[in-house]
């Protein structure tokens, strides 16, 4: 899968996120899943992102893809 650039339309970004969701749910619920990639994401140094991004970030501010990836990650907490 290939994430589109930050300049692309929201429809293009939504389409990518839908494909990512399908891939994510293709695997059993309680298996550990690691999603790697660039995603053209910039996740800023904001306290609310520390659970998903840790204490370090290369970016001061977040872009749209960064917020989308944090939202994706935080919404995938299985109860096993």
PDB file of N, CA and C in Angstrom:
ATOM      1  N   UNK A   1       0.841  -1.172   0.000  1.00  0.00           N
ATOM      2  CA  UNK A   1       0.000   0.000   0.000  1.00  0.00           C
ATOM      3  C   UNK A   1       0.888   1.237   0.000  1.00  0.00           C
ATOM      4  N   UNK A   2       0.398   2.272  -0.599  1.00  0.00           N
ATOM      5  CA  UNK A   2       1.167   3.499  -0.699  1.00  0.00           C
ATOM      6  C   UNK A   2       0.301   4.686  -0.301  1.00  0.00           C
ATOM      7  N   UNK A   3       0.733   5.414   0.716  1.00  0.00           N
ATOM      8  CA  UNK A   3       0.002   6.602   1.153  1.00  0.00           C
ATOM      9  C   UNK A   3       0.254   7.731   0.173  1.00  0.00           C
ATOM     10  N   UNK A   4      -0.792   8.461  -0.132  1.00  0.00           N
ATOM     11  CA  UNK A   4      -0.636   9.607  -1.030  1.00  0.00           C
ATOM     12  C   UNK A   4       0.025  10.760  -0.283  1.00  0.00           C
ATOM     13  N   UNK A   5       0.447  11.749  -1.015  1.00  0.00           N
ATOM     14  CA  UNK A   5       1.125  12.882  -0.395  1.00  0.00           C
ATOM     15  C   UNK A   5       0.134  13.752   0.373  1.00  0.00           C
ATOM     16  N   UNK A   6       0.666  14.594   1.219  1.00  0.00           N
ATOM     17  CA  UNK A   6      -0.146  15.480   2.059  1.00  0.00           C
ATOM     18  C   UNK A   6      -1.011  16.413   1.216  1.00  0.00           C
ATOM     19  N   UNK A   7      -0.561  16.733   0.010  1.00  0.00           N
ATOM     20  CA  UNK A   7      -1.285  17.674  -0.842  1.00  0.00           C
ATOM     21  C   UNK A   7      -2.497  17.049  -1.528  1.00  0.00           C
ATOM     22  N   UNK A   8      -2.622  15.735  -1.497  1.00  0.00           N
ATOM     23  CA  UNK A   8      -3.735  15.058  -2.172  1.00  0.00           C
ATOM     24  C   UNK A   8      -5.058  15.370  -1.471  1.00  0.00           C
ATOM     25  N   UNK A   9      -6.132  15.025  -2.140  1.00  0.00           N
ATOM     26  CA  UNK A   9      -7.468  15.324  -1.611  1.00  0.00           C
ATOM     27  C   UNK A   9      -7.790  14.452  -0.397  1.00  0.00           C
ATOM     28  N   UNK A  10      -8.749  14.904   0.378  1.00  0.00           N
ATOM     29  CA  UNK A  10      -9.203  14.109   1.526  1.00  0.00           C
ATOM     30  C   UNK A  10      -9.778  12.777   1.068  1.00  0.00           C
ATOM     31  N   UNK A  11     -10.405  12.741  -0.109  1.00  0.00           N
ATOM     32  CA  UNK A  11     -10.943  11.481  -0.641  1.00  0.00           C
ATOM     33  C   UNK A  11      -9.835  10.462  -0.849  1.00  0.00           C
ATOM     34  N   UNK A  12      -8.710  10.913  -1.366  1.00  0.00           N
ATOM     35  CA  UNK A  12      -7.569  10.020  -1.582  1.00  0.00           C
ATOM     36  C   UNK A  12      -7.037   9.493  -0.254  1.00  0.00           C
ATOM     37  N   UNK A  13      -6.936  10.360   0.733  1.00  0.00           N
ATOM     38  CA  UNK A  13      -6.465   9.959   2.063  1.00  0.00           C
ATOM     39  C   UNK A  13      -7.461   9.016   2.731  1.00  0.00           C
ATOM     40  N   UNK A  14      -8.756   9.308   2.576  1.00  0.00           N
ATOM     41  CA  UNK A  14      -9.788   8.440   3.141  1.00  0.00           C
ATOM     42  C   UNK A  14      -9.736   7.054   2.514  1.00  0.00           C
ATOM     43  N   UNK A  15      -9.500   6.999   1.220  1.00  0.00           N
ATOM     44  CA  UNK A  15      -9.403   5.725   0.505  1.00  0.00           C
ATOM     45  C   UNK A  15      -8.242   4.895   1.049  1.00  0.00           C
ATOM     46  N   UNK A  16      -7.109   5.544   1.280  1.00  0.00           N
ATOM     47  CA  UNK A  16      -5.961   4.843   1.852  1.00  0.00           C
ATOM     48  C   UNK A  16      -6.302   4.305   3.244  1.00  0.00           C
ATOM     49  N   UNK A  17      -6.935   5.129   4.067  1.00  0.00           N
ATOM     50  CA  UNK A  17      -7.288   4.691   5.422  1.00  0.00           C
ATOM     51  C   UNK A  17      -8.275   3.528   5.395  1.00  0.00           C
ATOM     52  N   UNK A  18      -9.193   3.523   4.436  1.00  0.00           N
ATOM     53  CA  UNK A  18     -10.135   2.405   4.307  1.00  0.00           C
ATOM     54  C   UNK A  18      -9.400   1.108   3.960  1.00  0.00           C
ATOM     55  N   UNK A  19      -8.423   1.191   3.066  1.00  0.00           N
ATOM     56  CA  UNK A  19      -7.622   0.010   2.716  1.00  0.00           C
ATOM     57  C   UNK A  19      -6.808  -0.464   3.915  1.00  0.00           C
ATOM     58  N   UNK A  20      -6.259   0.465   4.671  1.00  0.00           N
ATOM     59  CA  UNK A  20      -5.494   0.120   5.866  1.00  0.00           C
ATOM     60  C   UNK A  20      -6.387  -0.582   6.887  1.00  0.00           C
ATOM     61  N   UNK A  21      -7.607  -0.090   7.058  1.00  0.00           N
ATOM     62  CA  UNK A  21      -8.574  -0.721   7.963  1.00  0.00           C
ATOM     63  C   UNK A  21      -8.856  -2.163   7.538  1.00  0.00           C
ATOM     64  N   UNK A  22      -9.085  -2.365   6.238  1.00  0.00           N
ATOM     65  CA  UNK A  22      -9.365  -3.718   5.730  1.00  0.00           C
ATOM     66  C   UNK A  22      -8.210  -4.654   6.021  1.00  0.00           C
ATOM     67  N   UNK A  23      -6.992  -4.185   5.766  1.00  0.00           N
ATOM     68  CA  UNK A  23      -5.805  -5.007   6.026  1.00  0.00           C
ATOM     69  C   UNK A  23      -5.697  -5.324   7.518  1.00  0.00           C
ATOM     70  N   UNK A  24      -5.937  -4.322   8.351  1.00  0.00           N
ATOM     71  CA  UNK A  24      -5.803  -4.482   9.796  1.00  0.00           C
ATOM     72  C   UNK A  24      -6.767  -5.543  10.309  1.00  0.00           C
ATOM     73  N   UNK A  25      -8.008  -5.498   9.852  1.00  0.00           N
ATOM     74  CA  UNK A  25      -9.018  -6.437  10.340  1.00  0.00           C
ATOM     75  C   UNK A  25      -8.980  -7.786   9.637  1.00  0.00           C
ATOM     76  N   UNK A  26      -8.108  -7.923   8.664  1.00  0.00           N
ATOM     77  CA  UNK A  26      -7.922  -9.213   7.990  1.00  0.00           C
ATOM     78  C   UNK A  26      -7.292 -10.232   8.936  1.00  0.00           C
ATOM     79  N   UNK A  27      -6.514  -9.754   9.900  1.00  0.00           N
ATOM     80  CA  UNK A  27      -5.810 -10.625  10.830  1.00  0.00           C
ATOM     81  C   UNK A  27      -6.620 -10.800  12.109  1.00  0.00           C
ATOM     82  N   UNK A  28      -6.401 -11.897  12.846  1.00  0.00           N
ATOM     83  CA  UNK A  28      -7.167 -12.148  14.079  1.00  0.00           C
ATOM     84  C   UNK A  28      -7.085 -10.982  15.063  1.00  0.00           C
ATOM     85  N   UNK A  29      -8.154 -10.787  15.793  1.00  0.00           N
ATOM     86  CA  UNK A  29      -8.327  -9.646  16.676  1.00  0.00           C
ATOM     87  C   UNK A  29      -7.214  -9.489  17.711  1.00  0.00           C
ATOM     88  N   UNK A  30      -6.846 -10.564  18.373  1.00  0.00           N
ATOM     89  CA  UNK A  30      -5.925 -10.446  19.504  1.00  0.00           C
ATOM     90  C   UNK A  30      -4.463 -10.708  19.145  1.00  0.00           C
ATOM     91  N   UNK A  31      -4.139 -10.785  17.877  1.00  0.00           N
ATOM     92  CA  UNK A  31      -2.735 -10.913  17.487  1.00  0.00           C
ATOM     93  C   UNK A  31      -2.076  -9.539  17.513  1.00  0.00           C
ATOM     94  N   UNK A  32      -0.800  -9.521  17.830  1.00  0.00           N
ATOM     95  CA  UNK A  32      -0.062  -8.261  17.809  1.00  0.00           C
ATOM     96  C   UNK A  32       0.111  -7.838  16.360  1.00  0.00           C
ATOM     97  N   UNK A  33      -0.208  -6.599  16.096  1.00  0.00           N
ATOM     98  CA  UNK A  33      -0.084  -6.059  14.744  1.00  0.00           C
ATOM     99  C   UNK A  33       0.807  -4.829  14.797  1.00  0.00           C
ATOM    100  N   UNK A  34       1.793  -4.816  13.946  1.00  0.00           N
ATOM    101  CA  UNK A  34       2.698  -3.673  13.873  1.00  0.00           C
ATOM    102  C   UNK A  34       2.538  -3.059  12.489  1.00  0.00           C
ATOM    103  N   UNK A  35       2.152  -1.809  12.461  1.00  0.00           N
ATOM    104  CA  UNK A  35       1.962  -1.097  11.197  1.00  0.00           C
ATOM    105  C   UNK A  35       3.159  -0.167  11.022  1.00  0.00           C
ATOM    106  N   UNK A  36       3.913  -0.401   9.966  1.00  0.00           N
ATOM    107  CA  UNK A  36       5.113   0.390   9.704  1.00  0.00           C
ATOM    108  C   UNK A  36       4.955   1.161   8.411  1.00  0.00           C
ATOM    109  N   UNK A  37       5.610   2.253   8.327  1.00  0.00           N
ATOM    110  CA  UNK A  37       5.609   2.999   7.088  1.00  0.00           C
ATOM    111  C   UNK A  37       5.778   4.477   7.315  1.00  0.00           C
ATOM    112  N   UNK A  38       5.957   5.184   6.253  1.00  0.00           N
ATOM    113  CA  UNK A  38       6.154   6.622   6.304  1.00  0.00           C
ATOM    114  C   UNK A  38       4.819   7.336   6.447  1.00  0.00           C
ATOM    115  N   UNK A  39       3.860   6.984   5.628  1.00  0.00           N
ATOM    116  CA  UNK A  39       2.528   7.575   5.630  1.00  0.00           C
ATOM    117  C   UNK A  39       2.555   9.090   5.442  1.00  0.00           C
ATOM    118  N   UNK A  40       3.726   9.653   5.139  1.00  0.00           N
ATOM    119  CA  UNK A  40       3.865  11.099   4.989  1.00  0.00           C
ATOM    120  C   UNK A  40       3.363  11.822   6.240  1.00  0.00           C
ATOM    121  N   UNK A  41       3.474  11.159   7.373  1.00  0.00           N
ATOM    122  CA  UNK A  41       2.912  11.687   8.614  1.00  0.00           C
ATOM    123  C   UNK A  41       3.943  12.474   9.407  1.00  0.00           C
ATOM    124  N   UNK A  42       3.465  13.547   9.989  1.00  0.00           N
ATOM    125  CA  UNK A  42       4.247  14.314  10.950  1.00  0.00           C
ATOM    126  C   UNK A  42       3.415  14.378  12.222  1.00  0.00           C
ATOM    127  N   UNK A  43       3.917  13.743  13.270  1.00  0.00           N
ATOM    128  CA  UNK A  43       3.216  13.750  14.554  1.00  0.00           C
ATOM    129  C   UNK A  43       3.998  14.667  15.484  1.00  0.00           C
ATOM    130  N   UNK A  44       3.355  15.703  15.930  1.00  0.00           N
ATOM    131  CA  UNK A  44       4.011  16.727  16.719  1.00  0.00           C
ATOM    132  C   UNK A  44       4.260  16.337  18.161  1.00  0.00           C
ATOM    133  N   UNK A  45       4.917  17.231  18.851  1.00  0.00           N
ATOM    134  CA  UNK A  45       5.294  17.022  20.250  1.00  0.00           C
ATOM    135  C   UNK A  45       4.192  17.524  21.176  1.00  0.00           C
ATOM    136  N   UNK A  46       3.026  16.913  21.045  1.00  0.00           N
ATOM    137  CA  UNK A  46       1.864  17.297  21.840  1.00  0.00           C
ATOM    138  C   UNK A  46       1.621  16.207  22.872  1.00  0.00           C
ATOM    139  N   UNK A  47       1.297  16.578  24.091  1.00  0.00           N
ATOM    140  CA  UNK A  47       1.112  15.605  25.164  1.00  0.00           C
ATOM    141  C   UNK A  47       0.095  14.515  24.822  1.00  0.00           C
ATOM    142  N   UNK A  48      -0.972  14.859  24.111  1.00  0.00           N
ATOM    143  CA  UNK A  48      -2.001  13.859  23.813  1.00  0.00           C
ATOM    144  C   UNK A  48      -1.512  12.779  22.858  1.00  0.00           C
ATOM    145  N   UNK A  49      -0.400  13.011  22.148  1.00  0.00           N
ATOM    146  CA  UNK A  49       0.134  12.019  21.217  1.00  0.00           C
ATOM    147  C   UNK A  49       1.196  11.128  21.845  1.00  0.00           C
ATOM    148  N   UNK A  50       1.558  11.360  23.088  1.00  0.00           N
ATOM    149  CA  UNK A  50       2.659  10.619  23.705  1.00  0.00           C
ATOM    150  C   UNK A  50       2.374   9.126  23.870  1.00  0.00           C
ATOM    151  N   UNK A  51       1.113   8.737  24.034  1.00  0.00           N
ATOM    152  CA  UNK A  51       0.798   7.314  24.158  1.00  0.00           C
ATOM    153  C   UNK A  51       1.124   6.544  22.888  1.00  0.00           C
ATOM    154  N   UNK A  52       0.966   7.160  21.752  1.00  0.00           N
ATOM    155  CA  UNK A  52       1.238   6.486  20.480  1.00  0.00           C
ATOM    156  C   UNK A  52       2.602   6.832  19.926  1.00  0.00           C
ATOM    157  N   UNK A  53       3.123   7.991  20.238  1.00  0.00           N
ATOM    158  CA  UNK A  53       4.360   8.469  19.634  1.00  0.00           C
ATOM    159  C   UNK A  53       5.541   8.455  20.592  1.00  0.00           C
ATOM    160  N   UNK A  54       5.290   8.258  21.860  1.00  0.00           N
ATOM    161  CA  UNK A  54       6.369   8.288  22.840  1.00  0.00           C
ATOM    162  C   UNK A  54       6.752   9.713  23.208  1.00  0.00           C
ATOM    163  N   UNK A  55       7.878   9.832  23.866  1.00  0.00           N
ATOM    164  CA  UNK A  55       8.334  11.142  24.335  1.00  0.00           C
ATOM    165  C   UNK A  55       9.107  11.930  23.285  1.00  0.00           C
ATOM    166  N   UNK A  56       9.477  11.292  22.208  1.00  0.00           N
ATOM    167  CA  UNK A  56      10.284  11.952  21.188  1.00  0.00           C
ATOM    168  C   UNK A  56       9.505  12.076  19.892  1.00  0.00           C
ATOM    169  N   UNK A  57       9.723  13.155  19.201  1.00  0.00           N
ATOM    170  CA  UNK A  57       9.153  13.353  17.880  1.00  0.00           C
ATOM    171  C   UNK A  57      10.101  14.241  17.099  1.00  0.00           C
ATOM    172  N   UNK A  58      10.195  13.992  15.815  1.00  0.00           N
ATOM    173  CA  UNK A  58      11.041  14.823  14.969  1.00  0.00           C
ATOM    174  C   UNK A  58      10.359  16.131  14.600  1.00  0.00           C
ATOM    175  N   UNK A  59       9.060  16.213  14.841  1.00  0.00           N
ATOM    176  CA  UNK A  59       8.286  17.353  14.371  1.00  0.00           C
ATOM    177  C   UNK A  59       7.681  18.119  15.544  1.00  0.00           C
ATOM    178  N   UNK A  60       7.640  19.412  15.394  1.00  0.00           N
ATOM    179  CA  UNK A  60       7.003  20.240  16.416  1.00  0.00           C
ATOM    180  C   UNK A  60       5.485  20.250  16.216  1.00  0.00           C
ATOM    181  N   UNK A  61       5.053  20.321  14.957  1.00  0.00           N
ATOM    182  CA  UNK A  61       3.634  20.367  14.626  1.00  0.00           C
ATOM    183  C   UNK A  61       3.222  19.103  13.887  1.00  0.00           C
ATOM    184  N   UNK A  62       1.941  18.770  13.959  1.00  0.00           N
ATOM    185  CA  UNK A  62       1.391  17.611  13.253  1.00  0.00           C
ATOM    186  C   UNK A  62       0.758  18.059  11.943  1.00  0.00           C
ATOM    187  N   UNK A  63       0.786  17.171  10.946  1.00  0.00           N
ATOM    188  CA  UNK A  63       0.025  17.430   9.732  1.00  0.00           C
ATOM    189  C   UNK A  63      -1.197  16.511   9.726  1.00  0.00           C
ATOM    190  N   UNK A  64      -2.002  16.610   8.691  1.00  0.00           N
ATOM    191  CA  UNK A  64      -3.234  15.823   8.606  1.00  0.00           C
ATOM    192  C   UNK A  64      -2.959  14.327   8.703  1.00  0.00           C
ATOM    193  N   UNK A  65      -1.949  13.844   7.985  1.00  0.00           N
ATOM    194  CA  UNK A  65      -1.626  12.418   8.042  1.00  0.00           C
ATOM    195  C   UNK A  65      -1.178  11.993   9.438  1.00  0.00           C
ATOM    196  N   UNK A  66      -0.459  12.840  10.124  1.00  0.00           N
ATOM    197  CA  UNK A  66      -0.032  12.511  11.481  1.00  0.00           C
ATOM    198  C   UNK A  66      -1.224  12.309  12.401  1.00  0.00           C
ATOM    199  N   UNK A  67      -2.168  13.217  12.321  1.00  0.00           N
ATOM    200  CA  UNK A  67      -3.373  13.105  13.154  1.00  0.00           C
ATOM    201  C   UNK A  67      -4.175  11.868  12.756  1.00  0.00           C
ATOM    202  N   UNK A  68      -4.262  11.581  11.454  1.00  0.00           N
ATOM    203  CA  UNK A  68      -4.979  10.385  10.995  1.00  0.00           C
ATOM    204  C   UNK A  68      -4.330   9.113  11.538  1.00  0.00           C
ATOM    205  N   UNK A  69      -3.018   9.043  11.534  1.00  0.00           N
ATOM    206  CA  UNK A  69      -2.329   7.838  12.007  1.00  0.00           C
ATOM    207  C   UNK A  69      -2.472   7.676  13.522  1.00  0.00           C
ATOM    208  N   UNK A  70      -2.414   8.766  14.254  1.00  0.00           N
ATOM    209  CA  UNK A  70      -2.631   8.677  15.700  1.00  0.00           C
ATOM    210  C   UNK A  70      -4.057   8.216  15.982  1.00  0.00           C
ATOM    211  N   UNK A  71      -5.022   8.769  15.268  1.00  0.00           N
ATOM    212  CA  UNK A  71      -6.418   8.351  15.451  1.00  0.00           C
ATOM    213  C   UNK A  71      -6.601   6.882  15.104  1.00  0.00           C
ATOM    214  N   UNK A  72      -5.958   6.426  14.031  1.00  0.00           N
ATOM    215  CA  UNK A  72      -6.028   5.010  13.649  1.00  0.00           C
ATOM    216  C   UNK A  72      -5.463   4.147  14.763  1.00  0.00           C
ATOM    217  N   UNK A  73      -4.287   4.507  15.261  1.00  0.00           N
ATOM    218  CA  UNK A  73      -3.623   3.711  16.297  1.00  0.00           C
ATOM    219  C   UNK A  73      -4.422   3.645  17.583  1.00  0.00           C
ATOM    220  N   UNK A  74      -4.947   4.767  18.009  1.00  0.00           N
ATOM    221  CA  UNK A  74      -5.665   4.785  19.288  1.00  0.00           C
ATOM    222  C   UNK A  74      -7.024   4.108  19.197  1.00  0.00           C
ATOM    223  N   UNK A  75      -7.559   3.973  17.997  1.00  0.00           N
ATOM    224  CA  UNK A  75      -8.860   3.315  17.851  1.00  0.00           C
ATOM    225  C   UNK A  75      -8.741   1.801  17.746  1.00  0.00           C
ATOM    226  N   UNK A  76      -7.538   1.276  17.721  1.00  0.00           N
ATOM    227  CA  UNK A  76      -7.309  -0.161  17.515  1.00  0.00           C
ATOM    228  C   UNK A  76      -6.837  -0.869  18.764  1.00  0.00           C
ATOM    229  N   UNK A  77      -7.365  -0.539  19.903  1.00  0.00           N
ATOM    230  CA  UNK A  77      -6.980  -1.158  21.160  1.00  0.00           C
ATOM    231  C   UNK A  77      -7.925  -2.321  21.451  1.00  0.00           C
ATOM    232  N   UNK A  78      -7.524  -3.561  21.099  1.00  0.00           N
ATOM    233  CA  UNK A  78      -8.435  -4.714  21.294  1.00  0.00           C
ATOM    234  C   UNK A  78      -8.596  -5.059  22.764  1.00  0.00           C
ATOM    235  N   UNK A  79      -9.748  -5.543  23.096  1.00  0.00           N
ATOM    236  CA  UNK A  79      -9.970  -6.035  24.454  1.00  0.00           C
ATOM    237  C   UNK A  79      -9.940  -7.559  24.408  1.00  0.00           C
ATOM    238  N   UNK A  80      -8.773  -8.106  24.689  1.00  0.00           N
ATOM    239  CA  UNK A  80      -8.575  -9.565  24.640  1.00  0.00           C
ATOM    240  C   UNK A  80      -8.441 -10.131  26.033  1.00  0.00           C
TER     241      UNK A  80
END
